[in-house]
Amino acid sequence: MVPEQADLTNDEIKLQQATLFLQLGDTYYELKDYPEALNHYQKALELGGDPSEVLFKIGTIYCRQDLYQEALQFFERAIQLDADNDCTWNNIAICYASLGKFREAVDAQDRSISMFPESIYLV
């Protein structure tokens, strides 16, 4: 049963809006409209969407555009919030490798492998 809009608190309404913006961002991402996806992800973040997920998605947009330094900033913020996310560790490794920082890339990849040896996301 879906609660009536009048029964929701302001925080619950904001969370629903954040979820919608996140979904819209995902749609624009799939369409490769990265500026629009970024715009919607930032709105989701402002409305209280899961910060580690949103920061990861923003980092992914920058990574897809070969903007690895910018992507790295978002992945590092995401990993501070969710240190057990193997996808984030893997993307950190990709960014470091793309920036020619191979020692840091190996360290990030080792972290991901040691935490999740069965992961399908490892490079």
N, C-alpha and C. Protein backbone atom coordinates (compact mmCIF):
# COMPACT_ATOMS: atom_id res chain seq x y z
N MET A 1 0.84 -1.18 0.00
CA MET A 1 0.00 0.00 0.00
C MET A 1 0.88 1.25 0.00
N VAL A 2 0.64 2.15 -0.90
CA VAL A 2 1.40 3.39 -1.00
C VAL A 2 0.74 4.44 -0.10
N PRO A 3 1.53 5.07 0.79
CA PRO A 3 0.93 6.07 1.67
C PRO A 3 0.49 7.29 0.87
N GLU A 4 -0.58 7.90 1.32
CA GLU A 4 -1.05 9.14 0.71
C GLU A 4 0.00 10.21 0.92
N GLN A 5 0.12 11.13 -0.04
CA GLN A 5 1.09 12.21 0.04
C GLN A 5 0.92 12.99 1.34
N ALA A 6 -0.31 13.20 1.78
CA ALA A 6 -0.57 13.99 2.99
C ALA A 6 -0.06 13.28 4.24
N ASP A 7 0.09 11.96 4.17
CA ASP A 7 0.55 11.19 5.33
C ASP A 7 2.07 11.16 5.46
N LEU A 8 2.77 11.67 4.48
CA LEU A 8 4.23 11.61 4.49
C LEU A 8 4.81 12.84 5.18
N THR A 9 5.94 12.64 5.84
CA THR A 9 6.66 13.78 6.43
C THR A 9 7.47 14.45 5.33
N ASN A 10 7.95 15.64 5.62
CA ASN A 10 8.80 16.34 4.65
C ASN A 10 10.03 15.52 4.28
N ASP A 11 10.63 14.86 5.27
CA ASP A 11 11.81 14.04 5.01
C ASP A 11 11.49 12.86 4.09
N GLU A 12 10.32 12.26 4.30
CA GLU A 12 9.92 11.14 3.44
C GLU A 12 9.66 11.60 2.02
N ILE A 13 9.07 12.78 1.88
CA ILE A 13 8.82 13.34 0.55
C ILE A 13 10.15 13.63 -0.14
N LYS A 14 11.10 14.21 0.59
CA LYS A 14 12.41 14.50 0.00
C LYS A 14 13.11 13.22 -0.43
N LEU A 15 12.98 12.17 0.38
CA LEU A 15 13.61 10.89 0.02
C LEU A 15 12.98 10.31 -1.24
N GLN A 16 11.66 10.43 -1.36
CA GLN A 16 11.00 9.96 -2.59
C GLN A 16 11.46 10.77 -3.79
N GLN A 17 11.58 12.08 -3.61
CA GLN A 17 12.06 12.93 -4.70
C GLN A 17 13.50 12.57 -5.07
N ALA A 18 14.32 12.31 -4.07
CA ALA A 18 15.71 11.93 -4.33
C ALA A 18 15.76 10.64 -5.15
N THR A 19 14.90 9.69 -4.81
CA THR A 19 14.84 8.43 -5.54
C THR A 19 14.44 8.66 -6.99
N LEU A 20 13.49 9.55 -7.21
CA LEU A 20 13.07 9.86 -8.58
C LEU A 20 14.18 10.53 -9.37
N PHE A 21 14.89 11.46 -8.73
CA PHE A 21 16.00 12.12 -9.42
C PHE A 21 17.11 11.12 -9.72
N LEU A 22 17.34 10.18 -8.82
CA LEU A 22 18.34 9.15 -9.05
C LEU A 22 17.94 8.29 -10.26
N GLN A 23 16.68 7.92 -10.33
CA GLN A 23 16.20 7.12 -11.45
C GLN A 23 16.29 7.90 -12.77
N LEU A 24 15.95 9.19 -12.72
CA LEU A 24 16.08 10.02 -13.92
C LEU A 24 17.56 10.12 -14.33
N GLY A 25 18.43 10.27 -13.35
CA GLY A 25 19.86 10.30 -13.65
C GLY A 25 20.32 9.02 -14.31
N ASP A 26 19.83 7.89 -13.81
CA ASP A 26 20.18 6.59 -14.41
C ASP A 26 19.70 6.52 -15.86
N THR A 27 18.51 7.04 -16.11
CA THR A 27 17.97 7.03 -17.47
C THR A 27 18.84 7.87 -18.40
N TYR A 28 19.17 9.08 -17.97
CA TYR A 28 20.02 9.94 -18.80
C TYR A 28 21.42 9.33 -18.97
N TYR A 29 21.91 8.67 -17.94
CA TYR A 29 23.21 8.00 -18.04
C TYR A 29 23.17 6.93 -19.14
N GLU A 30 22.11 6.13 -19.14
CA GLU A 30 21.97 5.07 -20.15
C GLU A 30 21.87 5.67 -21.56
N LEU A 31 21.30 6.87 -21.65
CA LEU A 31 21.19 7.55 -22.94
C LEU A 31 22.49 8.29 -23.32
N LYS A 32 23.47 8.20 -22.42
CA LYS A 32 24.77 8.88 -22.59
C LYS A 32 24.64 10.40 -22.61
N ASP A 33 23.59 10.90 -21.98
CA ASP A 33 23.42 12.34 -21.80
C ASP A 33 24.00 12.66 -20.42
N TYR A 34 25.32 12.69 -20.35
CA TYR A 34 26.01 12.82 -19.07
C TYR A 34 25.75 14.14 -18.35
N PRO A 35 25.65 15.28 -19.06
CA PRO A 35 25.34 16.51 -18.32
C PRO A 35 23.97 16.45 -17.62
N GLU A 36 22.97 15.88 -18.30
CA GLU A 36 21.64 15.77 -17.67
C GLU A 36 21.68 14.76 -16.53
N ALA A 37 22.39 13.65 -16.72
CA ALA A 37 22.50 12.65 -15.66
C ALA A 37 23.17 13.28 -14.43
N LEU A 38 24.24 14.01 -14.65
CA LEU A 38 24.95 14.67 -13.56
C LEU A 38 24.04 15.64 -12.83
N ASN A 39 23.27 16.41 -13.57
CA ASN A 39 22.32 17.35 -12.99
C ASN A 39 21.32 16.64 -12.06
N HIS A 40 20.79 15.52 -12.51
CA HIS A 40 19.80 14.79 -11.72
C HIS A 40 20.45 14.09 -10.51
N TYR A 41 21.65 13.57 -10.68
CA TYR A 41 22.34 12.96 -9.54
C TYR A 41 22.65 14.01 -8.47
N GLN A 42 23.03 15.19 -8.89
CA GLN A 42 23.33 16.24 -7.91
C GLN A 42 22.06 16.64 -7.15
N LYS A 43 20.93 16.68 -7.85
CA LYS A 43 19.66 16.98 -7.17
C LYS A 43 19.31 15.87 -6.18
N ALA A 44 19.55 14.62 -6.58
CA ALA A 44 19.29 13.50 -5.67
C ALA A 44 20.15 13.62 -4.41
N LEU A 45 21.39 14.01 -4.59
CA LEU A 45 22.30 14.18 -3.46
C LEU A 45 21.81 15.30 -2.54
N GLU A 46 21.39 16.41 -3.12
CA GLU A 46 20.89 17.54 -2.33
C GLU A 46 19.64 17.18 -1.53
N LEU A 47 18.82 16.28 -2.08
CA LEU A 47 17.57 15.90 -1.42
C LEU A 47 17.74 14.76 -0.42
N GLY A 48 18.95 14.27 -0.26
CA GLY A 48 19.18 13.25 0.75
C GLY A 48 19.25 11.84 0.22
N GLY A 49 19.51 11.68 -1.07
CA GLY A 49 19.71 10.34 -1.61
C GLY A 49 20.95 9.72 -1.00
N ASP A 50 21.05 8.40 -1.08
CA ASP A 50 22.20 7.67 -0.52
C ASP A 50 23.49 8.27 -1.07
N PRO A 51 24.24 8.99 -0.22
CA PRO A 51 25.41 9.70 -0.73
C PRO A 51 26.47 8.80 -1.35
N SER A 52 26.71 7.63 -0.79
CA SER A 52 27.75 6.78 -1.37
C SER A 52 27.34 6.31 -2.77
N GLU A 53 26.08 6.00 -2.95
CA GLU A 53 25.60 5.57 -4.27
C GLU A 53 25.65 6.72 -5.27
N VAL A 54 25.18 7.89 -4.86
CA VAL A 54 25.14 9.04 -5.77
C VAL A 54 26.56 9.49 -6.13
N LEU A 55 27.44 9.55 -5.15
CA LEU A 55 28.83 9.94 -5.42
C LEU A 55 29.49 8.95 -6.37
N PHE A 56 29.20 7.66 -6.19
CA PHE A 56 29.72 6.63 -7.09
C PHE A 56 29.24 6.88 -8.52
N LYS A 57 27.96 7.18 -8.67
CA LYS A 57 27.40 7.40 -10.00
C LYS A 57 27.97 8.66 -10.65
N ILE A 58 28.17 9.70 -9.86
CA ILE A 58 28.78 10.92 -10.39
C ILE A 58 30.22 10.62 -10.84
N GLY A 59 30.95 9.88 -10.03
CA GLY A 59 32.31 9.48 -10.41
C GLY A 59 32.32 8.68 -11.69
N THR A 60 31.34 7.82 -11.87
CA THR A 60 31.26 7.01 -13.07
C THR A 60 31.04 7.87 -14.32
N ILE A 61 30.24 8.92 -14.18
CA ILE A 61 30.03 9.84 -15.31
C ILE A 61 31.36 10.46 -15.72
N TYR A 62 32.12 10.94 -14.74
CA TYR A 62 33.41 11.56 -15.08
C TYR A 62 34.37 10.53 -15.67
N CYS A 63 34.33 9.32 -15.15
CA CYS A 63 35.20 8.26 -15.67
C CYS A 63 34.86 7.95 -17.13
N ARG A 64 33.58 7.90 -17.46
CA ARG A 64 33.14 7.63 -18.84
C ARG A 64 33.61 8.71 -19.81
N GLN A 65 33.88 9.90 -19.28
CA GLN A 65 34.33 11.01 -20.11
C GLN A 65 35.85 11.17 -20.06
N ASP A 66 36.53 10.17 -19.49
CA ASP A 66 37.99 10.17 -19.35
C ASP A 66 38.48 11.32 -18.47
N LEU A 67 37.66 11.78 -17.57
CA LEU A 67 38.03 12.82 -16.60
C LEU A 67 38.35 12.12 -15.28
N TYR A 68 39.49 11.43 -15.28
CA TYR A 68 39.82 10.52 -14.18
C TYR A 68 40.12 11.24 -12.87
N GLN A 69 40.74 12.40 -12.93
CA GLN A 69 41.03 13.12 -11.69
C GLN A 69 39.73 13.55 -11.01
N GLU A 70 38.78 14.05 -11.81
CA GLU A 70 37.49 14.44 -11.26
C GLU A 70 36.74 13.22 -10.72
N ALA A 71 36.77 12.13 -11.48
CA ALA A 71 36.10 10.90 -11.05
C ALA A 71 36.68 10.41 -9.74
N LEU A 72 37.98 10.45 -9.63
CA LEU A 72 38.66 9.97 -8.43
C LEU A 72 38.18 10.70 -7.19
N GLN A 73 37.96 11.99 -7.30
CA GLN A 73 37.50 12.77 -6.15
C GLN A 73 36.15 12.24 -5.64
N PHE A 74 35.26 11.90 -6.56
CA PHE A 74 33.95 11.39 -6.14
C PHE A 74 34.03 9.97 -5.63
N PHE A 75 34.85 9.13 -6.28
CA PHE A 75 35.00 7.76 -5.79
C PHE A 75 35.63 7.74 -4.40
N GLU A 76 36.59 8.61 -4.15
CA GLU A 76 37.22 8.64 -2.83
C GLU A 76 36.24 9.12 -1.76
N ARG A 77 35.37 10.05 -2.10
CA ARG A 77 34.34 10.47 -1.15
C ARG A 77 33.36 9.34 -0.90
N ALA A 78 33.01 8.61 -1.95
CA ALA A 78 32.07 7.49 -1.81
C ALA A 78 32.67 6.39 -0.94
N ILE A 79 33.96 6.11 -1.11
CA ILE A 79 34.59 5.03 -0.35
C ILE A 79 34.73 5.39 1.12
N GLN A 80 34.80 6.68 1.42
CA GLN A 80 34.82 7.10 2.83
C GLN A 80 33.49 6.78 3.51
N LEU A 81 32.42 6.76 2.74
CA LEU A 81 31.09 6.47 3.28
C LEU A 81 30.76 4.99 3.27
N ASP A 82 31.37 4.25 2.33
CA ASP A 82 31.10 2.82 2.20
C ASP A 82 32.39 2.12 1.78
N ALA A 83 33.24 1.84 2.75
CA ALA A 83 34.57 1.28 2.48
C ALA A 83 34.52 -0.16 1.97
N ASP A 84 33.36 -0.80 2.01
CA ASP A 84 33.24 -2.19 1.57
C ASP A 84 32.65 -2.33 0.18
N ASN A 85 32.69 -1.28 -0.62
CA ASN A 85 32.13 -1.33 -1.96
C ASN A 85 33.23 -1.69 -2.96
N ASP A 86 33.22 -2.94 -3.42
CA ASP A 86 34.27 -3.40 -4.32
C ASP A 86 34.23 -2.71 -5.67
N CYS A 87 33.04 -2.31 -6.13
CA CYS A 87 32.95 -1.58 -7.40
C CYS A 87 33.67 -0.24 -7.29
N THR A 88 33.52 0.43 -6.16
CA THR A 88 34.18 1.72 -5.97
C THR A 88 35.68 1.54 -5.91
N TRP A 89 36.16 0.53 -5.17
CA TRP A 89 37.61 0.27 -5.12
C TRP A 89 38.14 -0.02 -6.51
N ASN A 90 37.39 -0.79 -7.28
CA ASN A 90 37.82 -1.12 -8.64
C ASN A 90 37.91 0.14 -9.50
N ASN A 91 36.93 1.02 -9.39
CA ASN A 91 36.96 2.25 -10.18
C ASN A 91 38.07 3.19 -9.72
N ILE A 92 38.37 3.18 -8.45
CA ILE A 92 39.52 3.96 -7.96
C ILE A 92 40.79 3.44 -8.62
N ALA A 93 40.93 2.12 -8.70
CA ALA A 93 42.10 1.53 -9.34
C ALA A 93 42.18 1.93 -10.82
N ILE A 94 41.05 1.91 -11.50
CA ILE A 94 41.03 2.31 -12.92
C ILE A 94 41.46 3.76 -13.07
N CYS A 95 40.95 4.63 -12.21
CA CYS A 95 41.32 6.06 -12.30
C CYS A 95 42.81 6.25 -12.07
N TYR A 96 43.34 5.63 -11.02
CA TYR A 96 44.77 5.76 -10.76
C TYR A 96 45.60 5.24 -11.93
N ALA A 97 45.23 4.09 -12.46
CA ALA A 97 45.98 3.53 -13.59
C ALA A 97 45.91 4.46 -14.80
N SER A 98 44.74 5.03 -15.05
CA SER A 98 44.58 5.95 -16.18
C SER A 98 45.38 7.24 -15.99
N LEU A 99 45.64 7.59 -14.74
CA LEU A 99 46.43 8.78 -14.44
C LEU A 99 47.93 8.47 -14.35
N GLY A 100 48.29 7.20 -14.59
CA GLY A 100 49.69 6.80 -14.53
C GLY A 100 50.20 6.59 -13.12
N LYS A 101 49.31 6.51 -12.15
CA LYS A 101 49.68 6.28 -10.75
C LYS A 101 49.49 4.80 -10.45
N PHE A 102 50.43 4.01 -10.94
CA PHE A 102 50.27 2.56 -10.92
C PHE A 102 50.36 1.95 -9.53
N ARG A 103 51.21 2.49 -8.66
CA ARG A 103 51.30 1.95 -7.30
C ARG A 103 49.97 2.11 -6.58
N GLU A 104 49.36 3.30 -6.70
CA GLU A 104 48.06 3.54 -6.07
C GLU A 104 46.98 2.65 -6.68
N ALA A 105 47.08 2.43 -8.00
CA ALA A 105 46.12 1.55 -8.68
C ALA A 105 46.21 0.13 -8.15
N VAL A 106 47.43 -0.36 -8.01
CA VAL A 106 47.63 -1.72 -7.48
C VAL A 106 47.13 -1.81 -6.04
N ASP A 107 47.41 -0.80 -5.24
CA ASP A 107 46.94 -0.81 -3.85
C ASP A 107 45.42 -0.86 -3.77
N ALA A 108 44.74 -0.06 -4.60
CA ALA A 108 43.27 -0.05 -4.60
C ALA A 108 42.73 -1.39 -5.09
N GLN A 109 43.36 -1.94 -6.12
CA GLN A 109 42.91 -3.23 -6.64
C GLN A 109 43.15 -4.34 -5.63
N ASP A 110 44.30 -4.31 -4.97
CA ASP A 110 44.58 -5.29 -3.92
C ASP A 110 43.54 -5.22 -2.81
N ARG A 111 43.15 -4.00 -2.46
CA ARG A 111 42.13 -3.82 -1.42
C ARG A 111 40.82 -4.48 -1.85
N SER A 112 40.43 -4.25 -3.08
CA SER A 112 39.21 -4.85 -3.60
C SER A 112 39.30 -6.37 -3.64
N ILE A 113 40.42 -6.88 -4.12
CA ILE A 113 40.61 -8.33 -4.22
C ILE A 113 40.61 -8.98 -2.84
N SER A 114 41.30 -8.36 -1.88
CA SER A 114 41.38 -8.97 -0.55
C SER A 114 40.02 -8.98 0.15
N MET A 115 39.19 -8.00 -0.16
CA MET A 115 37.87 -7.94 0.47
C MET A 115 36.85 -8.82 -0.25
N PHE A 116 36.99 -8.91 -1.58
CA PHE A 116 36.00 -9.59 -2.39
C PHE A 116 36.67 -10.42 -3.48
N PRO A 117 37.32 -11.53 -3.12
CA PRO A 117 38.06 -12.31 -4.11
C PRO A 117 37.18 -12.92 -5.21
N GLU A 118 35.87 -13.05 -5.00
CA GLU A 118 34.99 -13.63 -6.01
C GLU A 118 34.33 -12.57 -6.88
N SER A 119 34.66 -11.32 -6.70
CA SER A 119 33.97 -10.25 -7.40
C SER A 119 34.15 -10.33 -8.91
N ILE A 120 33.07 -10.07 -9.63
CA ILE A 120 33.14 -10.05 -11.09
C ILE A 120 33.57 -8.69 -11.62
N TYR A 121 33.73 -7.72 -10.73
CA TYR A 121 34.05 -6.35 -11.16
C TYR A 121 35.55 -6.07 -11.21
N LEU A 122 36.35 -7.01 -10.89
CA LEU A 122 37.79 -6.77 -10.84
C LEU A 122 38.37 -6.73 -12.25
N VAL A 123 39.31 -5.80 -12.44
CA VAL A 123 39.99 -5.72 -13.74
C VAL A 123 41.07 -6.76 -13.84
